[in-house]
Amino acid sequence: MRKTFKSILLFAGLLTCTCACQSNKQEPLSDVINRSLDVATQQSILMAKALEDQEGRLPTTTNKDGKLKTSNYSWWCSGFFPGELWYLYENNPTAELKKYAEMYTSRVEPAKNVTNNHDVGFMLYCSFGNGFRLTKNPHYLDVMTTGAKSLATRYRPEIGLIRSWDFNKDKWQYPVIIDNMMNLEFLSFIAKETGDSFYSDMINSHAKKTMEHHFRPDYSSYHVISYDTITGLPHAKNTHQGYADESAWARGQAWAVYGYTMMARETGDNAYLEHAKKVAEFIMNHPNMPEDKVPYWDFNAPDIPNTVRDASSAAIIASALIELSQLDKTAQSKQYLNYAIDQIRSLASPVYLAEPGTNNNFVLMHSTGHLPGNSEVDVPLSYADYYFVEALLRLKKLI
């Protein structure tokens, strides 16, 4: 009865939003979703065809000279494009989309043996995970099981966290970045498929210690916490890709709200849900959030409003808030959903959504990867497209 009642409230909220949108002569939400998915499908097929004969290559972003930049399986973004294809196939199960989803997923398979970074979850779960969900191909599960063992080599029980990076050893002993929360969904899946409690113990330890040490009193997140390998306690707190150590790097906040929303879903632990809600409130109520709800690259960038946006953060946040609205049982759930809808409308506008055949066949424009490093500034990014399509599908299933 409670679930039914909440569904009625959710439908009423969506209906209210739709009526309000129509009264303001806004495009109906269902049209926004379908139009955006159509653009994503067109762009992704164009991208797939453009790289079809380039063995092992996967799209990442646009170079400084405006040309398409690709990678092989070893780049942390390798799983996003095949994952996007699987999502689009789920929405419109054509033979062409399945062919390309399988083709580009196969290009990521060598990542199952990667042990020198924490991004195996991104690489394999977005690609093989979505593929297995939709096809139940047993080979996909075998690949992920091997990959989980590789990722687990980066976990030290005495510290209780999965190590993120191996570089800057003169600065960091055992660095853990907020992004690493996103890889826990992969390990949770493997724990449930294999029944191996080692993985579930690992993800809970990592999530709880990150919750304890990564966040400031206002629930903003540092990017990097480095742990002393003897005491297991933090010895450095930095924000490597943000404006300053004490600033709120936009994508870091996005990973945080997504990661803890996911952990609440995977474990049913209310502590994770409450933490996700606090992070969401920090994001939603921040005075430097632009009117269109697509964040500047850092909430504390000194040159706001004359600085670049990060559409990837908006896509990740929107996807997280849609799910959070379904997990939360309070009146706030409607606020999360409405905020995500506003973000989707902005991303689906001509300001951010590319015209088919442009933008090197990426879907979204105006994302920022690493501004302090002068890398991927105001460009399309493969993970922006992935989480945008994911958010669209999550919203489509609700309405």
Protein backbone atom coordinates (compact mmCIF):
# COMPACT_ATOMS: atom_id res chain seq x y z
CA MET A 1 0.00 0.00 0.00
CA ARG A 2 2.83 2.40 0.89
CA LYS A 3 4.55 1.78 -2.45
CA THR A 4 1.24 2.29 -4.29
CA PHE A 5 0.57 5.52 -2.42
CA LYS A 6 4.05 6.80 -3.24
CA SER A 7 3.52 5.91 -6.90
CA ILE A 8 0.30 7.93 -6.89
CA LEU A 9 2.13 10.89 -5.35
CA LEU A 10 4.93 10.57 -7.89
CA PHE A 11 2.47 10.46 -10.80
CA ALA A 12 0.65 13.48 -9.40
CA GLY A 13 3.95 15.32 -9.14
CA LEU A 14 4.88 14.48 -12.71
CA LEU A 15 1.40 15.45 -13.89
CA THR A 16 1.66 18.76 -12.05
CA CYS A 17 5.05 19.39 -13.64
CA THR A 18 3.70 18.47 -17.08
CA CYS A 19 0.70 20.76 -16.69
CA ALA A 20 2.90 23.59 -15.47
CA CYS A 21 5.27 23.05 -18.37
CA GLN A 22 2.42 23.12 -20.87
CA SER A 23 0.94 26.24 -19.30
CA ASN A 24 4.32 27.90 -19.71
CA LYS A 25 4.43 26.64 -23.31
CA GLN A 26 7.31 24.35 -22.50
CA GLU A 27 7.90 21.23 -24.51
CA PRO A 28 6.11 18.26 -22.91
CA LEU A 29 8.51 16.19 -20.85
CA SER A 30 7.88 13.01 -22.81
CA ASP A 31 8.80 14.87 -26.00
CA VAL A 32 12.01 16.17 -24.40
CA ILE A 33 12.99 12.63 -23.47
CA ASN A 34 12.15 11.04 -26.81
CA ARG A 35 13.75 13.84 -28.82
CA SER A 36 16.94 13.61 -26.77
CA LEU A 37 17.09 9.83 -27.09
CA ASP A 38 16.60 10.16 -30.83
CA VAL A 39 19.52 12.59 -31.07
CA ALA A 40 21.65 10.29 -28.88
CA THR A 41 20.81 7.35 -31.12
CA GLN A 42 21.68 9.22 -34.30
CA GLN A 43 24.94 10.50 -32.87
CA SER A 44 25.98 7.16 -31.43
CA ILE A 45 25.39 5.29 -34.67
CA LEU A 46 27.38 7.93 -36.55
CA MET A 47 30.17 7.57 -33.98
CA ALA A 48 30.09 3.77 -34.19
CA LYS A 49 30.33 3.83 -37.97
CA ALA A 50 33.15 6.40 -37.92
CA LEU A 51 35.32 4.17 -35.71
CA GLU A 52 34.16 0.78 -37.01
CA ASP A 53 37.34 0.13 -38.99
CA GLN A 54 39.68 1.54 -36.33
CA GLU A 55 40.42 -1.61 -34.42
CA GLY A 56 40.26 -1.28 -30.65
CA ARG A 57 39.47 2.45 -30.62
CA LEU A 58 36.84 4.07 -28.43
CA PRO A 59 35.70 7.72 -28.30
CA THR A 60 36.72 9.91 -25.37
CA THR A 61 36.51 13.62 -26.22
CA THR A 62 37.58 16.29 -28.71
CA ASN A 63 41.19 17.44 -29.10
CA LYS A 64 42.25 21.07 -28.77
CA ASP A 65 42.31 21.23 -32.56
CA GLY A 66 38.66 20.17 -32.64
CA LYS A 67 39.24 16.62 -33.87
CA LEU A 68 37.91 13.42 -32.32
CA LYS A 69 40.14 11.93 -29.64
CA THR A 70 40.01 8.19 -29.05
CA SER A 71 41.58 5.69 -26.68
CA ASN A 72 42.05 1.97 -26.33
CA TYR A 73 40.61 -0.15 -23.51
CA SER A 74 43.12 1.14 -20.94
CA TRP A 75 41.72 4.67 -20.64
CA TRP A 76 39.30 4.99 -17.73
CA CYS A 77 36.52 6.14 -20.06
CA SER A 78 36.64 3.09 -22.33
CA GLY A 79 33.40 1.53 -21.11
CA PHE A 80 31.13 4.53 -21.51
CA PHE A 81 30.48 4.45 -25.25
CA PRO A 82 29.60 0.74 -25.38
CA GLY A 83 27.46 1.27 -22.29
CA GLU A 84 25.64 4.12 -24.00
CA LEU A 85 24.99 1.87 -26.99
CA TRP A 86 23.50 -0.78 -24.71
CA TYR A 87 21.20 1.81 -23.12
CA LEU A 88 20.08 2.98 -26.55
CA TYR A 89 19.51 -0.63 -27.59
CA GLU A 90 17.39 -1.10 -24.46
CA ASN A 91 15.30 1.89 -25.52
CA ASN A 92 15.08 0.81 -29.17
CA PRO A 93 16.20 -2.82 -29.65
CA THR A 94 17.36 -2.77 -33.25
CA ALA A 95 19.84 -5.19 -34.79
CA GLU A 96 22.15 -2.31 -35.70
CA LEU A 97 22.39 -0.97 -32.15
CA LYS A 98 23.00 -4.46 -30.77
CA LYS A 99 25.71 -5.12 -33.36
CA TYR A 100 27.59 -1.97 -32.40
CA ALA A 101 27.05 -2.47 -28.66
CA GLU A 102 28.58 -5.94 -28.92
CA MET A 103 31.41 -4.71 -31.14
CA TYR A 104 32.51 -1.88 -28.89
CA THR A 105 32.00 -3.89 -25.71
CA SER A 106 34.42 -6.48 -27.03
CA ARG A 107 37.05 -3.76 -27.42
CA VAL A 108 37.01 -3.20 -23.65
CA GLU A 109 37.56 -6.85 -22.67
CA PRO A 110 41.32 -6.57 -21.99
CA ALA A 111 40.44 -4.23 -19.10
CA LYS A 112 39.51 -7.33 -17.10
CA ASN A 113 43.21 -7.77 -16.33
CA VAL A 114 43.91 -4.16 -15.31
CA THR A 115 45.30 -3.89 -11.79
CA ASN A 116 47.10 -0.55 -11.91
CA ASN A 117 44.05 1.68 -11.33
CA HIS A 118 40.62 1.64 -9.72
CA ASP A 119 38.56 2.37 -12.83
CA VAL A 120 37.87 -1.25 -13.77
CA GLY A 121 34.32 -0.76 -12.52
CA PHE A 122 33.72 2.10 -14.94
CA MET A 123 35.34 0.14 -17.75
CA LEU A 124 33.54 -3.16 -17.31
CA TYR A 125 30.25 -2.49 -15.55
CA CYS A 126 29.08 0.23 -17.95
CA SER A 127 29.88 -1.98 -20.94
CA PHE A 128 29.74 -5.67 -19.99
CA GLY A 129 27.38 -5.00 -17.08
CA ASN A 130 24.72 -3.41 -19.24
CA GLY A 131 25.33 -6.02 -21.93
CA PHE A 132 24.84 -8.87 -19.45
CA ARG A 133 21.73 -7.25 -18.01
CA LEU A 134 20.14 -7.10 -21.44
CA THR A 135 21.42 -10.32 -23.06
CA LYS A 136 22.49 -12.65 -20.20
CA ASN A 137 25.54 -13.57 -22.27
CA PRO A 138 27.54 -15.82 -19.87
CA HIS A 139 30.84 -14.65 -21.37
CA TYR A 140 30.07 -11.13 -20.18
CA LEU A 141 29.71 -12.40 -16.62
CA ASP A 142 33.00 -14.28 -16.89
CA VAL A 143 34.76 -11.10 -18.01
CA MET A 144 33.33 -9.13 -15.09
CA THR A 145 34.20 -11.84 -12.57
CA THR A 146 37.83 -11.74 -13.73
CA GLY A 147 37.76 -7.93 -13.64
CA ALA A 148 36.44 -7.89 -10.09
CA LYS A 149 39.36 -10.04 -8.96
CA SER A 150 41.71 -7.58 -10.65
CA LEU A 151 40.07 -4.60 -8.95
CA ALA A 152 40.14 -6.35 -5.58
CA THR A 153 43.95 -6.42 -5.69
CA ARG A 154 43.82 -2.69 -4.95
CA TYR A 155 42.07 -3.22 -1.61
CA ARG A 156 44.04 -3.39 1.63
CA PRO A 157 41.96 -4.69 4.54
CA GLU A 158 44.12 -2.94 7.14
CA ILE A 159 43.16 0.40 5.56
CA GLY A 160 39.69 -0.66 4.48
CA LEU A 161 39.69 1.19 1.17
CA ILE A 162 40.36 0.57 -2.51
CA ARG A 163 43.40 2.51 -3.63
CA SER A 164 42.68 4.85 -6.53
CA TRP A 165 45.97 6.07 -7.98
CA ASP A 166 49.61 4.98 -8.02
CA PHE A 167 51.20 8.27 -9.07
CA ASN A 168 52.47 11.26 -7.01
CA LYS A 169 53.94 8.89 -4.43
CA ASP A 170 55.96 11.74 -2.95
CA LYS A 171 52.67 13.49 -2.08
CA TRP A 172 50.21 10.65 -1.43
CA GLN A 173 50.78 7.35 0.35
CA TYR A 174 47.42 5.72 -0.33
CA PRO A 175 45.18 8.07 -2.35
CA VAL A 176 41.45 7.47 -2.58
CA ILE A 177 39.32 9.71 -4.79
CA ILE A 178 35.58 10.34 -4.51
CA ASP A 179 35.18 8.94 -8.04
CA ASN A 180 36.00 5.52 -6.58
CA MET A 181 32.52 5.33 -5.07
CA MET A 182 31.24 4.68 -8.58
CA ASN A 183 33.16 1.40 -8.88
CA LEU A 184 31.37 -0.10 -5.89
CA GLU A 185 28.26 -0.86 -7.93
CA PHE A 186 30.34 -3.26 -10.05
CA LEU A 187 31.62 -5.06 -6.96
CA SER A 188 28.13 -5.18 -5.45
CA PHE A 189 26.88 -6.85 -8.60
CA ILE A 190 29.67 -9.43 -8.44
CA ALA A 191 28.99 -10.06 -4.74
CA LYS A 192 25.36 -10.86 -5.52
CA GLU A 193 26.18 -12.99 -8.58
CA THR A 194 28.88 -15.02 -6.86
CA GLY A 195 27.66 -14.97 -3.27
CA ASP A 196 31.17 -13.96 -2.19
CA SER A 197 30.85 -11.81 0.94
CA PHE A 198 34.42 -10.58 0.46
CA TYR A 199 33.14 -8.12 -2.13
CA SER A 200 30.19 -6.89 -0.07
CA ASP A 201 32.43 -6.42 2.97
CA MET A 202 34.87 -4.48 0.81
CA ILE A 203 32.33 -2.07 -0.63
CA ASN A 204 30.75 -1.36 2.76
CA SER A 205 34.12 -0.69 4.33
CA HIS A 206 35.10 1.62 1.48
CA ALA A 207 31.80 3.49 1.51
CA LYS A 208 31.72 3.99 5.28
CA LYS A 209 35.33 5.18 5.51
CA THR A 210 34.80 7.52 2.59
CA MET A 211 31.70 8.86 4.30
CA GLU A 212 33.72 9.43 7.46
CA HIS A 213 36.76 11.17 5.97
CA HIS A 214 35.92 12.60 2.55
CA PHE A 215 33.25 15.11 3.53
CA ARG A 216 33.28 18.54 5.11
CA PRO A 217 30.64 19.67 7.64
CA ASP A 218 28.50 21.12 4.80
CA TYR A 219 28.58 17.71 3.01
CA SER A 220 30.76 18.91 0.17
CA SER A 221 33.47 16.45 -0.78
CA TYR A 222 37.21 16.61 -1.17
CA HIS A 223 38.49 15.01 -4.35
CA VAL A 224 41.46 13.11 -2.90
CA ILE A 225 42.06 11.77 0.59
CA SER A 226 45.42 10.08 1.10
CA TYR A 227 45.71 7.63 3.97
CA ASP A 228 48.76 6.87 6.06
CA THR A 229 49.65 3.25 5.36
CA ILE A 230 50.62 2.62 8.99
CA THR A 231 47.79 4.27 10.92
CA GLY A 232 45.13 4.00 8.21
CA LEU A 233 44.13 7.61 8.89
CA PRO A 234 44.11 10.56 6.47
CA HIS A 235 47.37 12.47 6.13
CA ALA A 236 46.38 14.68 3.17
CA LYS A 237 43.11 16.18 1.92
CA ASN A 238 43.21 17.66 -1.58
CA THR A 239 40.99 18.58 -4.52
CA HIS A 240 43.25 17.70 -7.40
CA GLN A 241 40.93 18.55 -10.31
CA GLY A 242 39.13 21.43 -8.61
CA TYR A 243 39.97 25.08 -8.02
CA ALA A 244 41.50 24.60 -4.55
CA ASP A 245 41.78 21.95 -1.86
CA GLU A 246 38.84 23.41 0.05
CA SER A 247 36.67 24.07 -3.01
CA ALA A 248 33.75 21.95 -4.21
CA TRP A 249 34.76 20.49 -7.57
CA ALA A 250 31.46 19.98 -9.39
CA ARG A 251 31.99 16.47 -10.69
CA GLY A 252 33.26 15.35 -7.30
CA GLN A 253 29.93 16.34 -5.79
CA ALA A 254 28.16 14.51 -8.62
CA TRP A 255 30.11 11.30 -7.97
CA ALA A 256 29.28 11.62 -4.28
CA VAL A 257 25.51 11.96 -4.61
CA TYR A 258 25.39 9.22 -7.23
CA GLY A 259 27.66 6.89 -5.26
CA TYR A 260 25.73 7.07 -2.00
CA THR A 261 22.35 6.88 -3.72
CA MET A 262 23.60 3.72 -5.43
CA MET A 263 24.86 2.31 -2.11
CA ALA A 264 21.48 2.98 -0.51
CA ARG A 265 19.82 1.01 -3.30
CA GLU A 266 22.34 -1.83 -3.24
CA THR A 267 22.44 -2.33 0.54
CA GLY A 268 19.22 -0.87 1.91
CA ASP A 269 21.33 0.91 4.56
CA ASN A 270 19.54 4.09 5.63
CA ALA A 271 22.84 5.76 6.57
CA TYR A 272 23.82 5.81 2.91
CA LEU A 273 20.43 7.23 1.93
CA GLU A 274 20.64 10.02 4.49
CA HIS A 275 24.15 10.87 3.35
CA ALA A 276 23.07 11.00 -0.29
CA LYS A 277 20.27 13.38 0.69
CA LYS A 278 22.68 15.70 2.51
CA VAL A 279 24.99 15.83 -0.50
CA ALA A 280 22.00 16.46 -2.78
CA GLU A 281 20.88 19.35 -0.59
CA PHE A 282 24.35 20.87 -0.73
CA ILE A 283 24.26 20.75 -4.53
CA MET A 284 20.68 21.90 -4.99
CA ASN A 285 20.92 24.79 -2.54
CA HIS A 286 24.34 26.08 -3.48
CA PRO A 287 24.24 29.83 -4.21
CA ASN A 288 26.62 29.43 -7.15
CA MET A 289 24.45 26.94 -9.00
CA PRO A 290 23.41 28.61 -12.28
CA GLU A 291 19.77 29.16 -13.07
CA ASP A 292 19.77 26.34 -15.63
CA LYS A 293 21.18 23.94 -13.00
CA VAL A 294 24.20 22.96 -15.10
CA PRO A 295 27.09 23.57 -12.70
CA TYR A 296 30.20 25.60 -13.27
CA TRP A 297 33.22 23.28 -13.26
CA ASP A 298 33.81 24.15 -9.58
CA PHE A 299 31.23 25.65 -7.24
CA ASN A 300 33.91 27.93 -5.82
CA ALA A 301 35.69 28.97 -9.01
CA PRO A 302 36.80 32.59 -8.51
CA ASP A 303 35.70 33.78 -11.95
CA ILE A 304 32.05 32.73 -11.69
CA PRO A 305 29.98 33.50 -13.76
CA ASN A 306 32.67 33.96 -16.40
CA THR A 307 33.90 30.41 -16.35
CA VAL A 308 33.11 27.12 -18.06
CA ARG A 309 30.31 24.72 -17.21
CA ASP A 310 30.40 20.97 -16.76
CA ALA A 311 27.47 19.28 -18.45
CA SER A 312 28.82 15.90 -17.34
CA SER A 313 28.21 16.87 -13.71
CA ALA A 314 24.64 17.87 -14.48
CA ALA A 315 24.00 14.54 -16.24
CA ILE A 316 25.42 12.52 -13.35
CA ILE A 317 23.51 14.55 -10.75
CA ALA A 318 20.25 14.27 -12.70
CA SER A 319 20.56 10.51 -12.98
CA ALA A 320 21.32 10.24 -9.26
CA LEU A 321 18.45 12.50 -8.21
CA ILE A 322 15.94 10.55 -10.29
CA GLU A 323 16.92 7.40 -8.44
CA LEU A 324 17.09 9.21 -5.09
CA SER A 325 13.51 10.40 -5.60
CA GLN A 326 12.45 6.74 -5.74
CA LEU A 327 14.42 5.63 -2.68
CA ASP A 328 13.47 8.51 -0.41
CA LYS A 329 10.11 8.10 1.36
CA THR A 330 9.72 11.72 2.48
CA ALA A 331 8.18 14.78 0.89
CA GLN A 332 11.64 15.74 -0.36
CA SER A 333 11.51 13.05 -3.01
CA LYS A 334 9.45 15.29 -5.28
CA GLN A 335 12.07 18.05 -4.97
CA TYR A 336 14.81 15.69 -6.15
CA LEU A 337 12.76 14.61 -9.14
CA ASN A 338 11.76 18.13 -10.15
CA TYR A 339 15.38 19.30 -9.89
CA ALA A 340 16.50 16.46 -12.15
CA ILE A 341 13.76 17.28 -14.64
CA ASP A 342 14.98 20.88 -14.78
CA GLN A 343 18.51 19.63 -15.46
CA ILE A 344 17.29 17.30 -18.20
CA ARG A 345 15.39 20.14 -19.86
CA SER A 346 18.53 22.29 -19.81
CA LEU A 347 20.75 19.54 -21.21
CA ALA A 348 18.17 18.84 -23.90
CA SER A 349 18.19 22.48 -25.02
CA PRO A 350 20.22 23.73 -28.01
CA VAL A 351 22.74 25.17 -25.56
CA TYR A 352 23.99 21.68 -24.62
CA LEU A 353 22.44 19.12 -26.97
CA ALA A 354 24.33 18.83 -30.25
CA GLU A 355 22.73 18.85 -33.66
CA PRO A 356 23.05 15.44 -35.33
CA GLY A 357 26.23 15.23 -37.37
CA THR A 358 28.03 17.89 -35.34
CA ASN A 359 30.16 17.85 -32.15
CA ASN A 360 32.28 14.95 -33.47
CA ASN A 361 29.16 12.81 -32.99
CA PHE A 362 29.03 13.27 -29.23
CA VAL A 363 25.62 14.04 -27.74
CA LEU A 364 26.33 16.81 -25.23
CA MET A 365 28.49 19.93 -25.47
CA HIS A 366 30.20 21.99 -22.75
CA SER A 367 31.72 19.51 -20.32
CA THR A 368 34.99 20.01 -18.43
CA GLY A 369 37.37 17.25 -17.41
CA HIS A 370 40.42 18.77 -15.69
CA LEU A 371 40.61 22.54 -15.92
CA PRO A 372 43.67 23.02 -13.64
CA GLY A 373 45.53 20.62 -15.91
CA ASN A 374 44.27 22.42 -19.01
CA SER A 375 42.80 19.13 -20.15
CA GLU A 376 39.34 18.60 -21.65
CA VAL A 377 38.04 22.11 -21.08
CA ASP A 378 34.61 22.97 -22.55
CA VAL A 379 34.43 19.85 -24.72
CA PRO A 380 32.19 16.82 -25.20
CA LEU A 381 32.97 13.83 -22.97
CA SER A 382 31.91 10.21 -23.39
CA TYR A 383 30.74 9.90 -19.80
CA ALA A 384 28.56 13.00 -20.08
CA ASP A 385 26.69 11.24 -22.88
CA TYR A 386 26.47 7.97 -20.96
CA TYR A 387 24.92 9.46 -17.83
CA PHE A 388 22.63 11.73 -19.85
CA VAL A 389 21.19 8.72 -21.67
CA GLU A 390 20.95 6.83 -18.38
CA ALA A 391 19.05 9.73 -16.81
CA LEU A 392 16.71 9.93 -19.81
CA LEU A 393 15.88 6.23 -19.55
CA ARG A 394 15.34 6.44 -15.80
CA LEU A 395 12.96 9.34 -16.29
CA LYS A 396 11.20 7.67 -19.22
CA LYS A 397 10.46 4.61 -17.08
CA LEU A 398 8.81 6.83 -14.47
CA ILE A 399 6.43 8.60 -16.80
